[in-house]
Amino acid sequence: MLSQGLVLVGNHPKFNNALETARNVAVTKTPVLISGEIGSGKKALGAYIHSNSARKNARLEIVDCSFDSQTVEKIVLGFRDDETGRFNRGVLEVANGGTVIFANIDALDENFQKRLYTILQELPDYELDVRILATTSKNLSKLVGAGKFSRALYTYFSGVSIDMIALRERGTDVELIARHFIEEYAAETEAGDISLCSEAARKLSDYSWNQNLSELKTFIRKTLSNMDGSTLDVQAIENGERKVEFTASETDEDGMKLMSLKDAEKLLIKKALVFTSENRTQAAKILGVSIRTLRNKINEYRSEGASYFVNLR
């Protein structure tokens, strides 16, 4: 299933549980809140719910709540064109009989949150039958507790909640998804068959994709467009245009990249080794640890199959 160019492909149990919940809830009209990191496929899952419902032949509309408040209100409520005088219907009216996804619901203007809740409650009064879904990459419960999100609107969406697992936690699913993006690119560009070697697949699985599916797709397409030959191998990946370490799961308000302590430790050790041209003594001094501790960590990551450490001299 496709939405915004992303796919719902994989075998990870948590991913399959999300799909199963989506299929089960598709036959109802219950509002659904889909949570997950940026690019993890939240809108794709919303489209999946729509396409598996009785509304699949009706309109599916997406409202990006991260737009400025005036734009969002115009999209939702409709507006009159200043030049033509023609009234443009709001998305809830346009999608009557279908589905509306409020993407990034956490970014919705606080003053409009309460108003939207009232509007959604009154839809039947205007003979509007719309399935409402929402996505967020934030913890709405915490935002409610901090007084930054309407408790009423949160309650409206929180009846059914589906969590999308981060790509870096999906193991061998990364290879399946990468192969799909490769096939998609090959078909679009008429490039013929393009293979993915096993070592390159392991290297892709070793990355902690910050932007999840959207980032993997962008990286695959950029790498293929700059690659000679018909095999995506480790060399092609290393020669790609990937200029940033995509190891974060989120960006906080200070612009800091957030990740697990283990991922942070692995990243810092790798950066220290790269900076010192893999001089372990110098790297240990930079990190403030003994050479023995550094050696143990390298062996630990090597045993886990982390490609950089496996290939470390």
C-alpha atoms as a PDB file:
ATOM      1  CA  MET A   1       0.000   0.000   0.000  1.00  0.00           C
ATOM      2  CA  LEU A   2       1.322   3.415  -0.932  1.00  0.00           C
ATOM      3  CA  SER A   3       0.918   6.819   0.618  1.00  0.00           C
ATOM      4  CA  GLN A   4       3.248   9.755   0.146  1.00  0.00           C
ATOM      5  CA  GLY A   5       5.570   7.372  -1.691  1.00  0.00           C
ATOM      6  CA  LEU A   6       6.067   5.087   1.311  1.00  0.00           C
ATOM      7  CA  VAL A   7       5.292   1.398   1.616  1.00  0.00           C
ATOM      8  CA  LEU A   8       3.884  -1.002   4.158  1.00  0.00           C
ATOM      9  CA  VAL A   9       6.220  -3.946   3.747  1.00  0.00           C
ATOM     10  CA  GLY A  10       7.782  -6.146   6.396  1.00  0.00           C
ATOM     11  CA  ASN A  11       7.629  -9.133   8.718  1.00  0.00           C
ATOM     12  CA  HIS A  12       8.544  -7.691  12.109  1.00  0.00           C
ATOM     13  CA  PRO A  13       5.956  -8.757  14.750  1.00  0.00           C
ATOM     14  CA  LYS A  14       5.321  -5.184  15.946  1.00  0.00           C
ATOM     15  CA  PHE A  15       4.831  -4.016  12.374  1.00  0.00           C
ATOM     16  CA  ASN A  16       2.448  -6.883  11.649  1.00  0.00           C
ATOM     17  CA  ASN A  17       0.529  -6.126  14.855  1.00  0.00           C
ATOM     18  CA  ALA A  18       0.063  -2.539  13.679  1.00  0.00           C
ATOM     19  CA  LEU A  19      -1.259  -3.782  10.322  1.00  0.00           C
ATOM     20  CA  GLU A  20      -3.617  -6.226  11.998  1.00  0.00           C
ATOM     21  CA  THR A  21      -5.004  -3.523  14.267  1.00  0.00           C
ATOM     22  CA  ALA A  22      -5.430  -1.248  11.241  1.00  0.00           C
ATOM     23  CA  ARG A  23      -7.354  -3.955   9.364  1.00  0.00           C
ATOM     24  CA  ASN A  24      -9.595  -4.615  12.351  1.00  0.00           C
ATOM     25  CA  VAL A  25     -10.396  -0.970  12.952  1.00  0.00           C
ATOM     26  CA  ALA A  26     -10.905  -0.239   9.242  1.00  0.00           C
ATOM     27  CA  VAL A  27     -14.413  -1.694   9.327  1.00  0.00           C
ATOM     28  CA  THR A  28     -15.445   0.742  12.081  1.00  0.00           C
ATOM     29  CA  LYS A  29     -15.860   4.511  12.134  1.00  0.00           C
ATOM     30  CA  THR A  30     -13.829   4.962  15.313  1.00  0.00           C
ATOM     31  CA  PRO A  31     -11.251   7.794  15.229  1.00  0.00           C
ATOM     32  CA  VAL A  32      -7.687   6.468  15.251  1.00  0.00           C
ATOM     33  CA  LEU A  33      -4.461   8.046  16.489  1.00  0.00           C
ATOM     34  CA  ILE A  34      -1.341   6.756  14.697  1.00  0.00           C
ATOM     35  CA  SER A  35       1.914   7.477  16.508  1.00  0.00           C
ATOM     36  CA  GLY A  36       5.508   7.009  15.406  1.00  0.00           C
ATOM     37  CA  GLU A  37       8.707   8.724  14.429  1.00  0.00           C
ATOM     38  CA  ILE A  38       9.000  10.997  11.428  1.00  0.00           C
ATOM     39  CA  GLY A  39       8.848   9.031   8.185  1.00  0.00           C
ATOM     40  CA  SER A  40       7.828   5.752   9.834  1.00  0.00           C
ATOM     41  CA  GLY A  41       4.769   5.329   7.610  1.00  0.00           C
ATOM     42  CA  LYS A  42       1.991   6.876   9.705  1.00  0.00           C
ATOM     43  CA  LYS A  43       0.146   8.434   6.768  1.00  0.00           C
ATOM     44  CA  ALA A  44       0.682   5.235   4.785  1.00  0.00           C
ATOM     45  CA  LEU A  45      -1.051   3.312   7.563  1.00  0.00           C
ATOM     46  CA  GLY A  46      -3.866   5.858   7.532  1.00  0.00           C
ATOM     47  CA  ALA A  47      -4.264   5.297   3.795  1.00  0.00           C
ATOM     48  CA  TYR A  48      -4.216   1.546   4.463  1.00  0.00           C
ATOM     49  CA  ILE A  49      -7.102   1.923   6.913  1.00  0.00           C
ATOM     50  CA  HIS A  50      -9.042   3.923   4.322  1.00  0.00           C
ATOM     51  CA  SER A  51      -8.378   1.445   1.506  1.00  0.00           C
ATOM     52  CA  ASN A  52      -9.525  -1.473   3.666  1.00  0.00           C
ATOM     53  CA  SER A  53     -12.777   0.191   4.660  1.00  0.00           C
ATOM     54  CA  ALA A  54     -16.150   0.578   2.989  1.00  0.00           C
ATOM     55  CA  ARG A  55     -15.038   4.148   2.187  1.00  0.00           C
ATOM     56  CA  LYS A  56     -12.222   3.082  -0.130  1.00  0.00           C
ATOM     57  CA  ASN A  57     -13.947   4.466  -3.238  1.00  0.00           C
ATOM     58  CA  ALA A  58     -14.563   7.855  -1.592  1.00  0.00           C
ATOM     59  CA  ARG A  59     -12.109  10.709  -1.024  1.00  0.00           C
ATOM     60  CA  LEU A  60      -9.053  10.458   1.215  1.00  0.00           C
ATOM     61  CA  GLU A  61      -7.809  13.897   2.264  1.00  0.00           C
ATOM     62  CA  ILE A  62      -4.771  14.848   4.346  1.00  0.00           C
ATOM     63  CA  VAL A  63      -4.491  18.019   6.417  1.00  0.00           C
ATOM     64  CA  ASP A  64      -0.952  18.893   7.515  1.00  0.00           C
ATOM     65  CA  CYS A  65      -1.434  20.586  10.889  1.00  0.00           C
ATOM     66  CA  SER A  66       2.155  21.858  10.866  1.00  0.00           C
ATOM     67  CA  PHE A  67       1.114  24.574   8.409  1.00  0.00           C
ATOM     68  CA  ASP A  68       0.396  27.991   9.888  1.00  0.00           C
ATOM     69  CA  SER A  69      -2.889  28.187  11.799  1.00  0.00           C
ATOM     70  CA  GLN A  70      -4.632  30.395   9.237  1.00  0.00           C
ATOM     71  CA  THR A  71      -3.866  27.985   6.404  1.00  0.00           C
ATOM     72  CA  VAL A  72      -5.046  24.981   8.421  1.00  0.00           C
ATOM     73  CA  GLU A  73      -8.306  26.705   9.306  1.00  0.00           C
ATOM     74  CA  LYS A  74      -8.926  27.549   5.654  1.00  0.00           C
ATOM     75  CA  ILE A  75      -8.273  23.948   4.614  1.00  0.00           C
ATOM     76  CA  VAL A  76     -10.613  22.591   7.285  1.00  0.00           C
ATOM     77  CA  LEU A  77     -13.417  25.148   7.139  1.00  0.00           C
ATOM     78  CA  GLY A  78     -13.164  26.402   3.578  1.00  0.00           C
ATOM     79  CA  PHE A  79     -12.625  29.968   2.359  1.00  0.00           C
ATOM     80  CA  ARG A  80     -13.755  32.472  -0.241  1.00  0.00           C
ATOM     81  CA  ASP A  81     -11.269  33.318  -2.985  1.00  0.00           C
ATOM     82  CA  ASP A  82     -10.551  37.056  -2.893  1.00  0.00           C
ATOM     83  CA  GLU A  83     -10.116  37.315  -6.661  1.00  0.00           C
ATOM     84  CA  THR A  84     -12.942  35.153  -7.994  1.00  0.00           C
ATOM     85  CA  GLY A  85     -15.331  35.342  -5.060  1.00  0.00           C
ATOM     86  CA  ARG A  86     -15.783  31.563  -5.349  1.00  0.00           C
ATOM     87  CA  PHE A  87     -16.100  29.648  -2.098  1.00  0.00           C
ATOM     88  CA  ASN A  88     -13.731  26.713  -1.720  1.00  0.00           C
ATOM     89  CA  ARG A  89     -15.253  23.987   0.411  1.00  0.00           C
ATOM     90  CA  GLY A  90     -13.480  22.781   3.508  1.00  0.00           C
ATOM     91  CA  VAL A  91     -11.827  19.380   3.590  1.00  0.00           C
ATOM     92  CA  LEU A  92     -14.488  17.854   5.830  1.00  0.00           C
ATOM     93  CA  GLU A  93     -17.155  18.663   3.259  1.00  0.00           C
ATOM     94  CA  VAL A  94     -14.982  17.614   0.309  1.00  0.00           C
ATOM     95  CA  ALA A  95     -14.293  14.242   1.951  1.00  0.00           C
ATOM     96  CA  ASN A  96     -17.897  13.557   2.925  1.00  0.00           C
ATOM     97  CA  GLY A  97     -18.325   9.781   2.811  1.00  0.00           C
ATOM     98  CA  GLY A  98     -14.551   9.308   2.931  1.00  0.00           C
ATOM     99  CA  THR A  99     -11.623   9.829   5.286  1.00  0.00           C
ATOM    100  CA  VAL A 100      -9.603  12.784   6.552  1.00  0.00           C
ATOM    101  CA  ILE A 101      -6.157  12.374   8.103  1.00  0.00           C
ATOM    102  CA  PHE A 102      -4.988  15.178  10.376  1.00  0.00           C
ATOM    103  CA  ALA A 103      -1.227  14.728  10.038  1.00  0.00           C
ATOM    104  CA  ASN A 104       1.024  16.123  12.779  1.00  0.00           C
ATOM    105  CA  ILE A 105      -2.003  16.790  14.977  1.00  0.00           C
ATOM    106  CA  ASP A 106       0.356  17.820  17.792  1.00  0.00           C
ATOM    107  CA  ALA A 107       1.317  20.926  15.778  1.00  0.00           C
ATOM    108  CA  LEU A 108      -2.274  22.167  15.551  1.00  0.00           C
ATOM    109  CA  ASP A 109      -2.707  25.703  16.864  1.00  0.00           C
ATOM    110  CA  GLU A 110      -3.817  25.554  20.502  1.00  0.00           C
ATOM    111  CA  ASN A 111      -6.681  27.990  19.909  1.00  0.00           C
ATOM    112  CA  PHE A 112      -7.979  25.885  17.010  1.00  0.00           C
ATOM    113  CA  GLN A 113      -7.775  22.588  18.901  1.00  0.00           C
ATOM    114  CA  LYS A 114     -10.914  23.205  20.962  1.00  0.00           C
ATOM    115  CA  ARG A 115     -12.714  24.552  17.929  1.00  0.00           C
ATOM    116  CA  LEU A 116     -11.822  21.485  15.886  1.00  0.00           C
ATOM    117  CA  TYR A 117     -13.114  19.224  18.642  1.00  0.00           C
ATOM    118  CA  THR A 118     -16.466  21.023  18.551  1.00  0.00           C
ATOM    119  CA  ILE A 119     -16.570  20.827  14.748  1.00  0.00           C
ATOM    120  CA  LEU A 120     -15.890  17.075  14.772  1.00  0.00           C
ATOM    121  CA  GLN A 121     -18.608  16.531  17.357  1.00  0.00           C
ATOM    122  CA  GLU A 122     -21.112  18.440  15.229  1.00  0.00           C
ATOM    123  CA  LEU A 123     -20.421  16.712  11.895  1.00  0.00           C
ATOM    124  CA  PRO A 124     -23.645  14.623  12.037  1.00  0.00           C
ATOM    125  CA  ASP A 125     -25.668  17.826  12.507  1.00  0.00           C
ATOM    126  CA  TYR A 126     -24.467  18.949   9.081  1.00  0.00           C
ATOM    127  CA  GLU A 127     -25.055  15.503   7.545  1.00  0.00           C
ATOM    128  CA  LEU A 128     -21.334  14.972   7.086  1.00  0.00           C
ATOM    129  CA  ASP A 129     -20.091  11.397   7.358  1.00  0.00           C
ATOM    130  CA  VAL A 130     -16.302  11.497   7.592  1.00  0.00           C
ATOM    131  CA  ARG A 131     -13.844   9.012   9.088  1.00  0.00           C
ATOM    132  CA  ILE A 132     -11.259  10.937  11.130  1.00  0.00           C
ATOM    133  CA  LEU A 133      -7.669   9.762  11.623  1.00  0.00           C
ATOM    134  CA  ALA A 134      -4.702  11.611  13.108  1.00  0.00           C
ATOM    135  CA  THR A 135      -0.938  11.132  13.199  1.00  0.00           C
ATOM    136  CA  THR A 136       1.691  12.391  15.604  1.00  0.00           C
ATOM    137  CA  SER A 137       5.387  11.959  16.319  1.00  0.00           C
ATOM    138  CA  LYS A 138       4.927  13.382  19.825  1.00  0.00           C
ATOM    139  CA  ASN A 139       3.615  12.030  23.120  1.00  0.00           C
ATOM    140  CA  LEU A 140       0.188  13.680  23.170  1.00  0.00           C
ATOM    141  CA  SER A 141      -0.484  12.529  26.720  1.00  0.00           C
ATOM    142  CA  LYS A 142       2.519  14.518  27.928  1.00  0.00           C
ATOM    143  CA  LEU A 143       1.432  17.532  25.899  1.00  0.00           C
ATOM    144  CA  VAL A 144      -1.987  17.338  27.541  1.00  0.00           C
ATOM    145  CA  GLY A 145      -0.342  17.174  30.970  1.00  0.00           C
ATOM    146  CA  ALA A 146       1.751  20.224  30.103  1.00  0.00           C
ATOM    147  CA  GLY A 147      -1.345  22.125  29.010  1.00  0.00           C
ATOM    148  CA  LYS A 148      -0.174  22.280  25.387  1.00  0.00           C
ATOM    149  CA  PHE A 149      -2.830  20.076  23.835  1.00  0.00           C
ATOM    150  CA  SER A 150      -6.584  19.949  24.302  1.00  0.00           C
ATOM    151  CA  ARG A 151      -7.633  17.141  26.628  1.00  0.00           C
ATOM    152  CA  ALA A 152     -10.988  16.880  24.838  1.00  0.00           C
ATOM    153  CA  LEU A 153      -9.373  16.496  21.416  1.00  0.00           C
ATOM    154  CA  TYR A 154      -6.885  13.973  22.799  1.00  0.00           C
ATOM    155  CA  THR A 155      -9.733  11.949  24.282  1.00  0.00           C
ATOM    156  CA  TYR A 156     -11.522  12.054  20.921  1.00  0.00           C
ATOM    157  CA  PHE A 157      -8.561  10.393  19.194  1.00  0.00           C
ATOM    158  CA  SER A 158      -7.205   8.170  21.947  1.00  0.00           C
ATOM    159  CA  GLY A 159      -9.873   5.459  21.786  1.00  0.00           C
ATOM    160  CA  VAL A 160      -7.788   3.503  19.301  1.00  0.00           C
ATOM    161  CA  SER A 161      -4.051   4.133  19.116  1.00  0.00           C
ATOM    162  CA  ILE A 162      -1.592   2.409  16.779  1.00  0.00           C
ATOM    163  CA  ASP A 163       2.176   2.727  17.181  1.00  0.00           C
ATOM    164  CA  MET A 164       4.447   2.457  14.144  1.00  0.00           C
ATOM    165  CA  ILE A 165       7.780   0.838  14.960  1.00  0.00           C
ATOM    166  CA  ALA A 166      10.958   2.743  14.040  1.00  0.00           C
ATOM    167  CA  LEU A 167      12.848   1.392  11.027  1.00  0.00           C
ATOM    168  CA  ARG A 168      16.073   0.844  12.988  1.00  0.00           C
ATOM    169  CA  GLU A 169      14.214  -1.625  15.228  1.00  0.00           C
ATOM    170  CA  ARG A 170      12.874  -3.723  12.348  1.00  0.00           C
ATOM    171  CA  GLY A 171      15.957  -5.850  11.634  1.00  0.00           C
ATOM    172  CA  THR A 172      15.701  -7.749   8.357  1.00  0.00           C
ATOM    173  CA  ASP A 173      12.717  -5.640   7.285  1.00  0.00           C
ATOM    174  CA  VAL A 174      15.226  -2.978   6.211  1.00  0.00           C
ATOM    175  CA  GLU A 175      16.502  -5.287   3.470  1.00  0.00           C
ATOM    176  CA  LEU A 176      12.962  -6.099   2.295  1.00  0.00           C
ATOM    177  CA  ILE A 177      12.053  -2.422   2.110  1.00  0.00           C
ATOM    178  CA  ALA A 178      15.338  -1.487   0.425  1.00  0.00           C
ATOM    179  CA  ARG A 179      14.749  -4.143  -2.254  1.00  0.00           C
ATOM    180  CA  HIS A 180      11.259  -2.738  -2.820  1.00  0.00           C
ATOM    181  CA  PHE A 181      12.651   0.780  -3.314  1.00  0.00           C
ATOM    182  CA  ILE A 182      15.308  -0.598  -5.676  1.00  0.00           C
ATOM    183  CA  GLU A 183      12.653  -2.375  -7.765  1.00  0.00           C
ATOM    184  CA  GLU A 184      10.516   0.770  -7.749  1.00  0.00           C
ATOM    185  CA  TYR A 185      13.432   2.902  -8.964  1.00  0.00           C
ATOM    186  CA  ALA A 186      14.394   0.373 -11.630  1.00  0.00           C
ATOM    187  CA  ALA A 187      10.840   0.279 -12.970  1.00  0.00           C
ATOM    188  CA  GLU A 188      10.535   4.073 -13.060  1.00  0.00           C
ATOM    189  CA  THR A 189      13.863   4.618 -14.784  1.00  0.00           C
ATOM    190  CA  GLU A 190      13.762   1.479 -16.963  1.00  0.00           C
ATOM    191  CA  ALA A 191      17.168   0.596 -15.546  1.00  0.00           C
ATOM    192  CA  GLY A 192      16.624  -3.139 -15.746  1.00  0.00           C
ATOM    193  CA  ASP A 193      17.352  -5.522 -12.903  1.00  0.00           C
ATOM    194  CA  ILE A 194      19.340  -4.073 -10.004  1.00  0.00           C
ATOM    195  CA  SER A 195      20.552  -6.427  -7.288  1.00  0.00           C
ATOM    196  CA  LEU A 196      21.451  -5.750  -3.665  1.00  0.00           C
ATOM    197  CA  CYS A 197      24.399  -7.714  -2.338  1.00  0.00           C
ATOM    198  CA  SER A 198      24.102  -9.280   1.102  1.00  0.00           C
ATOM    199  CA  GLU A 199      26.936  -7.245   2.622  1.00  0.00           C
ATOM    200  CA  ALA A 200      25.343  -4.004   1.444  1.00  0.00           C
ATOM    201  CA  ALA A 201      22.026  -5.137   2.898  1.00  0.00           C
ATOM    202  CA  ARG A 202      23.706  -5.699   6.264  1.00  0.00           C
ATOM    203  CA  LYS A 203      25.276  -2.264   6.086  1.00  0.00           C
ATOM    204  CA  LEU A 204      21.905  -0.643   5.407  1.00  0.00           C
ATOM    205  CA  SER A 205      20.415  -2.534   8.357  1.00  0.00           C
ATOM    206  CA  ASP A 206      23.197  -1.190  10.578  1.00  0.00           C
ATOM    207  CA  TYR A 207      22.148   2.427  10.098  1.00  0.00           C
ATOM    208  CA  SER A 208      19.761   4.068  12.569  1.00  0.00           C
ATOM    209  CA  TRP A 209      17.560   5.865  10.067  1.00  0.00           C
ATOM    210  CA  ASN A 210      16.488   9.185  11.579  1.00  0.00           C
ATOM    211  CA  GLN A 211      13.778   9.837   9.001  1.00  0.00           C
ATOM    212  CA  ASN A 212      12.908   6.148   8.789  1.00  0.00           C
ATOM    213  CA  LEU A 213      11.249   4.980   5.531  1.00  0.00           C
ATOM    214  CA  SER A 214      11.374   8.364   3.820  1.00  0.00           C
ATOM    215  CA  GLU A 215      15.098   8.658   4.494  1.00  0.00           C
ATOM    216  CA  LEU A 216      15.847   5.120   3.325  1.00  0.00           C
ATOM    217  CA  LYS A 217      13.948   5.719   0.106  1.00  0.00           C
ATOM    218  CA  THR A 218      15.770   9.000  -0.557  1.00  0.00           C
ATOM    219  CA  PHE A 219      19.136   7.398   0.143  1.00  0.00           C
ATOM    220  CA  ILE A 220      18.443   4.402  -2.117  1.00  0.00           C
ATOM    221  CA  ARG A 221      17.330   6.608  -5.001  1.00  0.00           C
ATOM    222  CA  LYS A 222      20.271   9.006  -4.683  1.00  0.00           C
ATOM    223  CA  THR A 223      22.743   6.153  -4.462  1.00  0.00           C
ATOM    224  CA  LEU A 224      21.299   4.357  -7.494  1.00  0.00           C
ATOM    225  CA  SER A 225      21.257   7.544  -9.564  1.00  0.00           C
ATOM    226  CA  ASN A 226      24.992   7.991  -8.955  1.00  0.00           C
ATOM    227  CA  MET A 227      25.940   4.336  -9.315  1.00  0.00           C
ATOM    228  CA  ASP A 228      27.562   2.557 -12.228  1.00  0.00           C
ATOM    229  CA  GLY A 229      26.637  -1.066 -12.838  1.00  0.00           C
ATOM    230  CA  SER A 230      23.657  -3.154 -11.810  1.00  0.00           C
ATOM    231  CA  THR A 231      24.637  -4.195  -8.282  1.00  0.00           C
ATOM    232  CA  LEU A 232      24.156  -2.055  -5.207  1.00  0.00           C
ATOM    233  CA  ASP A 233      27.177  -3.057  -3.177  1.00  0.00           C
ATOM    234  CA  VAL A 234      29.018  -1.681  -0.142  1.00  0.00           C
ATOM    235  CA  GLN A 235      31.229   0.516  -2.307  1.00  0.00           C
ATOM    236  CA  ALA A 236      28.194   2.113  -3.931  1.00  0.00           C
ATOM    237  CA  ILE A 237      26.705   2.832  -0.527  1.00  0.00           C
ATOM    238  CA  GLU A 238      29.936   4.329   0.783  1.00  0.00           C
ATOM    239  CA  ASN A 239      30.172   6.490  -2.344  1.00  0.00           C
ATOM    240  CA  GLY A 240      26.615   7.726  -1.911  1.00  0.00           C
ATOM    241  CA  GLU A 241      25.611  11.246  -1.060  1.00  0.00           C
ATOM    242  CA  ARG A 242      24.800  10.407   2.520  1.00  0.00           C
ATOM    243  CA  LYS A 243      26.547  13.283   4.324  1.00  0.00           C
ATOM    244  CA  VAL A 244      24.934  13.072   7.758  1.00  0.00           C
ATOM    245  CA  GLU A 245      24.970  10.308  10.344  1.00  0.00           C
ATOM    246  CA  PHE A 246      21.315   9.291  10.487  1.00  0.00           C
ATOM    247  CA  THR A 247      21.378   7.772  13.931  1.00  0.00           C
ATOM    248  CA  ALA A 248      18.792   9.885  15.737  1.00  0.00           C
ATOM    249  CA  SER A 249      15.182   9.128  16.432  1.00  0.00           C
ATOM    250  CA  GLU A 250      14.131  12.733  17.048  1.00  0.00           C
ATOM    251  CA  THR A 251      15.382  16.316  17.170  1.00  0.00           C
ATOM    252  CA  ASP A 252      14.704  18.158  20.405  1.00  0.00           C
ATOM    253  CA  GLU A 253      14.014  21.859  20.905  1.00  0.00           C
ATOM    254  CA  ASP A 254      17.738  22.639  21.261  1.00  0.00           C
ATOM    255  CA  GLY A 255      18.534  21.022  17.917  1.00  0.00           C
ATOM    256  CA  MET A 256      20.132  18.046  19.630  1.00  0.00           C
ATOM    257  CA  LYS A 257      19.778  14.592  18.137  1.00  0.00           C
ATOM    258  CA  LEU A 258      18.107  12.126  20.475  1.00  0.00           C
ATOM    259  CA  MET A 259      18.864   8.397  20.501  1.00  0.00           C
ATOM    260  CA  SER A 260      19.293   5.513  22.900  1.00  0.00           C
ATOM    261  CA  LEU A 261      22.363   5.534  25.146  1.00  0.00           C
ATOM    262  CA  LYS A 262      23.682   2.456  23.361  1.00  0.00           C
ATOM    263  CA  ASP A 263      23.315   4.060  19.940  1.00  0.00           C
ATOM    264  CA  ALA A 264      24.921   7.268  21.247  1.00  0.00           C
ATOM    265  CA  GLU A 265      27.855   5.328  22.662  1.00  0.00           C
ATOM    266  CA  LYS A 266      28.349   3.411  19.416  1.00  0.00           C
ATOM    267  CA  LEU A 267      28.172   6.611  17.372  1.00  0.00           C
ATOM    268  CA  LEU A 268      30.694   8.463  19.568  1.00  0.00           C
ATOM    269  CA  ILE A 269      33.145   5.563  19.439  1.00  0.00           C
ATOM    270  CA  LYS A 270      32.822   5.362  15.661  1.00  0.00           C
ATOM    271  CA  LYS A 271      33.320   9.129  15.298  1.00  0.00           C
ATOM    272  CA  ALA A 272      36.399   9.044  17.542  1.00  0.00           C
ATOM    273  CA  LEU A 273      37.894   6.217  15.487  1.00  0.00           C
ATOM    274  CA  VAL A 274      37.171   7.984  12.209  1.00  0.00           C
ATOM    275  CA  PHE A 275      38.607  11.251  13.552  1.00  0.00           C
ATOM    276  CA  THR A 276      41.838   9.556  14.618  1.00  0.00           C
ATOM    277  CA  SER A 277      42.135   7.476  11.437  1.00  0.00           C
ATOM    278  CA  GLU A 278      41.326   4.418  13.565  1.00  0.00           C
ATOM    279  CA  ASN A 279      44.156   5.026  16.037  1.00  0.00           C
ATOM    280  CA  ARG A 280      42.664   3.256  19.051  1.00  0.00           C
ATOM    281  CA  THR A 281      45.024   4.823  21.602  1.00  0.00           C
ATOM    282  CA  GLN A 282      44.149   8.359  20.496  1.00  0.00           C
ATOM    283  CA  ALA A 283      40.448   7.490  20.222  1.00  0.00           C
ATOM    284  CA  ALA A 284      40.451   6.122  23.787  1.00  0.00           C
ATOM    285  CA  LYS A 285      42.025   9.368  25.058  1.00  0.00           C
ATOM    286  CA  ILE A 286      39.382  11.479  23.286  1.00  0.00           C
ATOM    287  CA  LEU A 287      36.602   9.325  24.736  1.00  0.00           C
ATOM    288  CA  GLY A 288      38.150   9.328  28.215  1.00  0.00           C
ATOM    289  CA  VAL A 289      38.252   5.545  28.519  1.00  0.00           C
ATOM    290  CA  SER A 290      41.001   2.950  28.742  1.00  0.00           C
ATOM    291  CA  ILE A 291      42.263   1.217  25.622  1.00  0.00           C
ATOM    292  CA  ARG A 292      40.959  -2.029  27.132  1.00  0.00           C
ATOM    293  CA  THR A 293      37.434  -0.599  27.494  1.00  0.00           C
ATOM    294  CA  LEU A 294      37.514   0.640  23.906  1.00  0.00           C
ATOM    295  CA  ARG A 295      38.731  -2.748  22.664  1.00  0.00           C
ATOM    296  CA  ASN A 296      35.910  -4.517  24.542  1.00  0.00           C
ATOM    297  CA  LYS A 297      33.336  -2.172  23.047  1.00  0.00           C
ATOM    298  CA  ILE A 298      34.677  -2.722  19.538  1.00  0.00           C
ATOM    299  CA  ASN A 299      34.479  -6.487  20.045  1.00  0.00           C
ATOM    300  CA  GLU A 300      30.925  -6.137  21.370  1.00  0.00           C
ATOM    301  CA  TYR A 301      29.750  -4.178  18.329  1.00  0.00           C
ATOM    302  CA  ARG A 302      31.646  -6.526  16.027  1.00  0.00           C
ATOM    303  CA  SER A 303      29.850  -9.532  17.549  1.00  0.00           C
ATOM    304  CA  GLU A 304      26.536  -7.756  16.933  1.00  0.00           C
ATOM    305  CA  GLY A 305      27.415  -7.503  13.251  1.00  0.00           C
ATOM    306  CA  ALA A 306      27.792  -3.702  13.079  1.00  0.00           C
ATOM    307  CA  SER A 307      29.462  -3.342   9.670  1.00  0.00           C
ATOM    308  CA  TYR A 308      31.893  -0.544  10.545  1.00  0.00           C
ATOM    309  CA  PHE A 309      33.316  -2.461  13.491  1.00  0.00           C
ATOM    310  CA  VAL A 310      33.310  -5.787  11.654  1.00  0.00           C
ATOM    311  CA  ASN A 311      35.519  -4.254   8.981  1.00  0.00           C
ATOM    312  CA  LEU A 312      37.682  -2.312  11.451  1.00  0.00           C
ATOM    313  CA  ARG A 313      41.381  -3.134  11.175  1.00  0.00           C
END
